[in-house]
Amino acid sequence: MPELTPSTREAARRIGITETALRKAEQTNRIAREPDGQWDIDKTRRRLVETADPARSPLANGGGGGGAEGTPYARLKVAQLALKVEAQRLALDENKRRLLDVAEANATIDEIAGAMRDALLNWPARVSGLIAAELGVDPHLLQTVLQAHITDLLSEAADRFDPPDLDGGAAGRDRTANA
């Protein structure tokens, strides 16, 4: 049977806090009286422990039984501290230029890859005359063969470095159907 009392002063004495502390907790809706207007001592003590600030409350520091580690307030403070530490670590990494902007990195990679592709595609036109003279073959035929092989090389590299299909593989099926 629950221990009930109608007196706020008596409830505070049994719980082990001041009457003022009990009234403030009631005013801030941390605790509430029973529907008949009485205080359920065990229920009120549990609610006070659950909602107590461990740094300030004698209940949260062991006076209420369970200790502060298990209270929702204590767990919230620990989570808040962990988030603050993580934010500080990210800010430090950003200040030391350890972090990259994804869009900026992708743009740089695209620029470098485009320059490499253009250089490879222009190479047969620049060297086919020299190579043809050394081998004694038709320069146009040599340029055509070199361009075909470089185009194949670039297509294979593009297939290897393309990200996985996001539309369920339809692009991959189209590629194999055209081959």
C-alpha atoms as a PDB file:
ATOM      1  CA  MET A   1       0.000   0.000   0.000  1.00  0.00           C
ATOM      2  CA  PRO A   2       1.421   3.406  -0.974  1.00  0.00           C
ATOM      3  CA  GLU A   3       2.524   5.766   1.755  1.00  0.00           C
ATOM      4  CA  LEU A   4       0.260   8.841   1.435  1.00  0.00           C
ATOM      5  CA  THR A   5       0.170  12.150   3.304  1.00  0.00           C
ATOM      6  CA  PRO A   6      -1.873  15.306   2.666  1.00  0.00           C
ATOM      7  CA  SER A   7       0.792  17.589   4.184  1.00  0.00           C
ATOM      8  CA  THR A   8       3.469  19.106   1.965  1.00  0.00           C
ATOM      9  CA  ARG A   9       5.694  19.650   5.012  1.00  0.00           C
ATOM     10  CA  GLU A  10       5.341  15.999   6.101  1.00  0.00           C
ATOM     11  CA  ALA A  11       5.977  14.743   2.525  1.00  0.00           C
ATOM     12  CA  ALA A  12       9.158  16.848   2.293  1.00  0.00           C
ATOM     13  CA  ARG A  13      10.353  15.539   5.680  1.00  0.00           C
ATOM     14  CA  ARG A  14       9.760  11.896   4.670  1.00  0.00           C
ATOM     15  CA  ILE A  15      11.473  12.357   1.290  1.00  0.00           C
ATOM     16  CA  GLY A  16      14.417  14.189   2.859  1.00  0.00           C
ATOM     17  CA  ILE A  17      14.189  17.600   1.210  1.00  0.00           C
ATOM     18  CA  THR A  18      12.971  21.031   2.249  1.00  0.00           C
ATOM     19  CA  GLU A  19       9.339  22.033   1.946  1.00  0.00           C
ATOM     20  CA  THR A  20      10.422  24.864  -0.384  1.00  0.00           C
ATOM     21  CA  ALA A  21      12.196  22.410  -2.691  1.00  0.00           C
ATOM     22  CA  LEU A  22       9.069  20.251  -2.830  1.00  0.00           C
ATOM     23  CA  ARG A  23       6.860  23.240  -3.612  1.00  0.00           C
ATOM     24  CA  LYS A  24       9.247  24.438  -6.382  1.00  0.00           C
ATOM     25  CA  ALA A  25       9.279  20.968  -7.927  1.00  0.00           C
ATOM     26  CA  GLU A  26       5.472  20.973  -7.892  1.00  0.00           C
ATOM     27  CA  GLN A  27       5.315  24.452  -9.452  1.00  0.00           C
ATOM     28  CA  THR A  28       7.683  23.425 -12.289  1.00  0.00           C
ATOM     29  CA  ASN A  29       5.604  20.263 -12.921  1.00  0.00           C
ATOM     30  CA  ARG A  30       8.435  17.891 -12.015  1.00  0.00           C
ATOM     31  CA  ILE A  31       6.075  16.234  -9.535  1.00  0.00           C
ATOM     32  CA  ALA A  32       2.329  16.210  -8.919  1.00  0.00           C
ATOM     33  CA  ARG A  33      -0.066  15.291  -6.148  1.00  0.00           C
ATOM     34  CA  GLU A  34      -2.408  12.344  -6.436  1.00  0.00           C
ATOM     35  CA  PRO A  35      -5.922  13.103  -7.766  1.00  0.00           C
ATOM     36  CA  ASP A  36      -7.249  13.166  -4.174  1.00  0.00           C
ATOM     37  CA  GLY A  37      -4.731  15.921  -3.246  1.00  0.00           C
ATOM     38  CA  GLN A  38      -2.376  13.746  -1.193  1.00  0.00           C
ATOM     39  CA  TRP A  39       1.314  13.034  -1.751  1.00  0.00           C
ATOM     40  CA  ASP A  40       2.397   9.488  -2.652  1.00  0.00           C
ATOM     41  CA  ILE A  41       5.837   9.487  -0.989  1.00  0.00           C
ATOM     42  CA  ASP A  42       7.453   6.692  -3.061  1.00  0.00           C
ATOM     43  CA  LYS A  43       6.123   7.960  -6.379  1.00  0.00           C
ATOM     44  CA  THR A  44       7.164  11.551  -5.597  1.00  0.00           C
ATOM     45  CA  ARG A  45      10.657  10.435  -4.507  1.00  0.00           C
ATOM     46  CA  ARG A  46      11.097   8.459  -7.761  1.00  0.00           C
ATOM     47  CA  ARG A  47      10.004  11.425  -9.911  1.00  0.00           C
ATOM     48  CA  LEU A  48      12.306  13.789  -8.025  1.00  0.00           C
ATOM     49  CA  VAL A  49      15.267  11.434  -8.527  1.00  0.00           C
ATOM     50  CA  GLU A  50      14.469  11.008 -12.252  1.00  0.00           C
ATOM     51  CA  THR A  51      14.282  14.735 -12.899  1.00  0.00           C
ATOM     52  CA  ALA A  52      16.996  15.927 -10.497  1.00  0.00           C
ATOM     53  CA  ASP A  53      20.144  17.792 -11.475  1.00  0.00           C
ATOM     54  CA  PRO A  54      22.943  15.541 -10.131  1.00  0.00           C
ATOM     55  CA  ALA A  55      25.163  18.528  -9.399  1.00  0.00           C
ATOM     56  CA  ARG A  56      22.590  20.189  -7.151  1.00  0.00           C
ATOM     57  CA  SER A  57      20.262  17.606  -5.657  1.00  0.00           C
ATOM     58  CA  PRO A  58      20.980  15.453  -2.614  1.00  0.00           C
ATOM     59  CA  LEU A  59      18.459  12.950  -3.999  1.00  0.00           C
ATOM     60  CA  ALA A  60      20.295  12.516  -7.287  1.00  0.00           C
ATOM     61  CA  ASN A  61      23.586  11.914  -5.452  1.00  0.00           C
ATOM     62  CA  GLY A  62      22.424   8.723  -3.811  1.00  0.00           C
ATOM     63  CA  GLY A  63      19.820   9.899  -1.329  1.00  0.00           C
ATOM     64  CA  GLY A  64      17.044   8.524  -3.522  1.00  0.00           C
ATOM     65  CA  GLY A  65      18.473   5.039  -3.951  1.00  0.00           C
ATOM     66  CA  GLY A  66      19.299   4.509  -7.639  1.00  0.00           C
ATOM     67  CA  GLY A  67      22.105   7.038  -7.950  1.00  0.00           C
ATOM     68  CA  ALA A  68      22.550   9.813 -10.505  1.00  0.00           C
ATOM     69  CA  GLU A  69      24.025   7.659 -13.287  1.00  0.00           C
ATOM     70  CA  GLY A  70      20.644   6.179 -14.171  1.00  0.00           C
ATOM     71  CA  THR A  71      18.544   9.331 -14.103  1.00  0.00           C
ATOM     72  CA  PRO A  72      17.302  10.713 -17.392  1.00  0.00           C
ATOM     73  CA  TYR A  73      18.797  14.093 -16.516  1.00  0.00           C
ATOM     74  CA  ALA A  74      22.252  12.597 -15.930  1.00  0.00           C
ATOM     75  CA  ARG A  75      22.092  10.634 -19.191  1.00  0.00           C
ATOM     76  CA  LEU A  76      21.027  13.801 -21.015  1.00  0.00           C
ATOM     77  CA  LYS A  77      23.968  15.745 -19.559  1.00  0.00           C
ATOM     78  CA  VAL A  78      26.399  13.000 -20.639  1.00  0.00           C
ATOM     79  CA  ALA A  79      24.943  12.973 -24.166  1.00  0.00           C
ATOM     80  CA  GLN A  80      25.134  16.774 -24.298  1.00  0.00           C
ATOM     81  CA  LEU A  81      28.789  16.680 -23.251  1.00  0.00           C
ATOM     82  CA  ALA A  82      29.587  14.015 -25.870  1.00  0.00           C
ATOM     83  CA  LEU A  83      27.988  16.151 -28.610  1.00  0.00           C
ATOM     84  CA  LYS A  84      29.936  19.205 -27.470  1.00  0.00           C
ATOM     85  CA  VAL A  85      33.222  17.254 -27.570  1.00  0.00           C
ATOM     86  CA  GLU A  86      32.433  15.930 -31.057  1.00  0.00           C
ATOM     87  CA  ALA A  87      31.610  19.446 -32.298  1.00  0.00           C
ATOM     88  CA  GLN A  88      34.897  20.749 -30.883  1.00  0.00           C
ATOM     89  CA  ARG A  89      36.820  17.899 -32.558  1.00  0.00           C
ATOM     90  CA  LEU A  90      35.204  18.676 -35.910  1.00  0.00           C
ATOM     91  CA  ALA A  91      35.962  22.384 -35.521  1.00  0.00           C
ATOM     92  CA  LEU A  92      39.605  21.569 -34.739  1.00  0.00           C
ATOM     93  CA  ASP A  93      39.848  19.254 -37.755  1.00  0.00           C
ATOM     94  CA  GLU A  94      38.338  21.963 -39.950  1.00  0.00           C
ATOM     95  CA  ASN A  95      40.771  24.592 -38.629  1.00  0.00           C
ATOM     96  CA  LYS A  96      43.713  22.289 -39.321  1.00  0.00           C
ATOM     97  CA  ARG A  97      42.402  21.706 -42.867  1.00  0.00           C
ATOM     98  CA  ARG A  98      41.946  17.962 -42.270  1.00  0.00           C
ATOM     99  CA  LEU A  99      38.412  18.097 -43.647  1.00  0.00           C
ATOM    100  CA  LEU A 100      37.497  18.555 -47.286  1.00  0.00           C
ATOM    101  CA  ASP A 101      34.377  19.974 -48.829  1.00  0.00           C
ATOM    102  CA  VAL A 102      32.890  17.126 -50.878  1.00  0.00           C
ATOM    103  CA  ALA A 103      31.665  19.379 -53.678  1.00  0.00           C
ATOM    104  CA  GLU A 104      35.046  21.102 -53.926  1.00  0.00           C
ATOM    105  CA  ALA A 105      36.911  17.763 -53.958  1.00  0.00           C
ATOM    106  CA  ASN A 106      34.596  16.339 -56.633  1.00  0.00           C
ATOM    107  CA  ALA A 107      35.024  19.445 -58.771  1.00  0.00           C
ATOM    108  CA  THR A 108      38.819  19.196 -58.515  1.00  0.00           C
ATOM    109  CA  ILE A 109      38.775  15.492 -59.384  1.00  0.00           C
ATOM    110  CA  ASP A 110      36.495  16.147 -62.355  1.00  0.00           C
ATOM    111  CA  GLU A 111      38.808  18.924 -63.559  1.00  0.00           C
ATOM    112  CA  ILE A 112      41.917  16.722 -63.316  1.00  0.00           C
ATOM    113  CA  ALA A 113      40.182  13.733 -64.922  1.00  0.00           C
ATOM    114  CA  GLY A 114      38.886  15.930 -67.757  1.00  0.00           C
ATOM    115  CA  ALA A 115      42.359  17.308 -68.424  1.00  0.00           C
ATOM    116  CA  MET A 116      43.815  13.774 -68.478  1.00  0.00           C
ATOM    117  CA  ARG A 117      41.062  12.570 -70.830  1.00  0.00           C
ATOM    118  CA  ASP A 118      41.589  15.508 -73.205  1.00  0.00           C
ATOM    119  CA  ALA A 119      45.350  14.941 -73.229  1.00  0.00           C
ATOM    120  CA  LEU A 120      44.882  11.251 -74.044  1.00  0.00           C
ATOM    121  CA  LEU A 121      42.333  11.947 -76.780  1.00  0.00           C
ATOM    122  CA  ASN A 122      44.605  14.555 -78.421  1.00  0.00           C
ATOM    123  CA  TRP A 123      47.735  12.395 -78.223  1.00  0.00           C
ATOM    124  CA  PRO A 124      47.126  10.259 -81.379  1.00  0.00           C
ATOM    125  CA  ALA A 125      46.753  13.356 -83.572  1.00  0.00           C
ATOM    126  CA  ARG A 126      50.026  14.782 -82.236  1.00  0.00           C
ATOM    127  CA  VAL A 127      52.199  11.677 -82.481  1.00  0.00           C
ATOM    128  CA  SER A 128      50.709   9.604 -85.288  1.00  0.00           C
ATOM    129  CA  GLY A 129      52.743  11.452 -87.952  1.00  0.00           C
ATOM    130  CA  LEU A 130      56.024  10.843 -86.104  1.00  0.00           C
ATOM    131  CA  ILE A 131      55.270   7.188 -85.373  1.00  0.00           C
ATOM    132  CA  ALA A 132      54.036   6.590 -88.943  1.00  0.00           C
ATOM    133  CA  ALA A 133      57.285   8.053 -90.328  1.00  0.00           C
ATOM    134  CA  GLU A 134      59.347   5.740 -88.116  1.00  0.00           C
ATOM    135  CA  LEU A 135      57.314   2.669 -89.061  1.00  0.00           C
ATOM    136  CA  GLY A 136      56.707   3.620 -92.671  1.00  0.00           C
ATOM    137  CA  VAL A 137      52.887   3.329 -92.511  1.00  0.00           C
ATOM    138  CA  ASP A 138      49.969   5.590 -93.436  1.00  0.00           C
ATOM    139  CA  PRO A 139      49.689   8.369 -90.777  1.00  0.00           C
ATOM    140  CA  HIS A 140      45.881   8.553 -91.062  1.00  0.00           C
ATOM    141  CA  LEU A 141      45.496   4.794 -90.576  1.00  0.00           C
ATOM    142  CA  LEU A 142      47.845   4.868 -87.549  1.00  0.00           C
ATOM    143  CA  GLN A 143      45.952   7.805 -86.009  1.00  0.00           C
ATOM    144  CA  THR A 144      42.630   5.980 -86.469  1.00  0.00           C
ATOM    145  CA  VAL A 145      43.981   2.811 -84.814  1.00  0.00           C
ATOM    146  CA  LEU A 146      45.534   4.748 -81.914  1.00  0.00           C
ATOM    147  CA  GLN A 147      42.327   6.718 -81.346  1.00  0.00           C
ATOM    148  CA  ALA A 148      40.235   3.531 -81.313  1.00  0.00           C
ATOM    149  CA  HIS A 149      42.518   1.916 -78.716  1.00  0.00           C
ATOM    150  CA  ILE A 150      42.629   5.028 -76.515  1.00  0.00           C
ATOM    151  CA  THR A 151      38.838   5.378 -76.704  1.00  0.00           C
ATOM    152  CA  ASP A 152      38.498   1.740 -75.606  1.00  0.00           C
ATOM    153  CA  LEU A 153      40.974   2.329 -72.774  1.00  0.00           C
ATOM    154  CA  LEU A 154      39.034   5.389 -71.555  1.00  0.00           C
ATOM    155  CA  SER A 155      35.717   3.523 -71.768  1.00  0.00           C
ATOM    156  CA  GLU A 156      37.079   0.650 -69.674  1.00  0.00           C
ATOM    157  CA  ALA A 157      38.467   3.088 -67.109  1.00  0.00           C
ATOM    158  CA  ALA A 158      35.140   4.957 -66.966  1.00  0.00           C
ATOM    159  CA  ASP A 159      33.276   1.681 -66.401  1.00  0.00           C
ATOM    160  CA  ARG A 160      35.663   0.763 -63.598  1.00  0.00           C
ATOM    161  CA  PHE A 161      35.473   4.140 -61.835  1.00  0.00           C
ATOM    162  CA  ASP A 162      31.746   4.841 -62.286  1.00  0.00           C
ATOM    163  CA  PRO A 163      29.800   4.761 -59.024  1.00  0.00           C
ATOM    164  CA  PRO A 164      27.289   1.937 -58.584  1.00  0.00           C
ATOM    165  CA  ASP A 165      23.997   2.453 -60.394  1.00  0.00           C
ATOM    166  CA  LEU A 166      21.498   4.324 -58.277  1.00  0.00           C
ATOM    167  CA  ASP A 167      18.479   3.436 -60.400  1.00  0.00           C
ATOM    168  CA  GLY A 168      18.571  -0.304 -59.736  1.00  0.00           C
ATOM    169  CA  GLY A 169      21.069  -1.244 -62.410  1.00  0.00           C
ATOM    170  CA  ALA A 170      19.224  -0.012 -65.522  1.00  0.00           C
ATOM    171  CA  ALA A 171      22.302   1.872 -66.767  1.00  0.00           C
ATOM    172  CA  GLY A 172      24.440  -1.257 -66.403  1.00  0.00           C
ATOM    173  CA  ARG A 173      21.938  -3.306 -68.425  1.00  0.00           C
ATOM    174  CA  ASP A 174      21.872  -0.648 -71.169  1.00  0.00           C
ATOM    175  CA  ARG A 175      25.654  -0.699 -71.346  1.00  0.00           C
ATOM    176  CA  THR A 176      25.806  -4.490 -71.733  1.00  0.00           C
ATOM    177  CA  ALA A 177      22.959  -4.497 -74.256  1.00  0.00           C
ATOM    178  CA  ASN A 178      24.881  -2.069 -76.514  1.00  0.00           C
ATOM    179  CA  ALA A 179      28.139  -4.061 -76.312  1.00  0.00           C
END
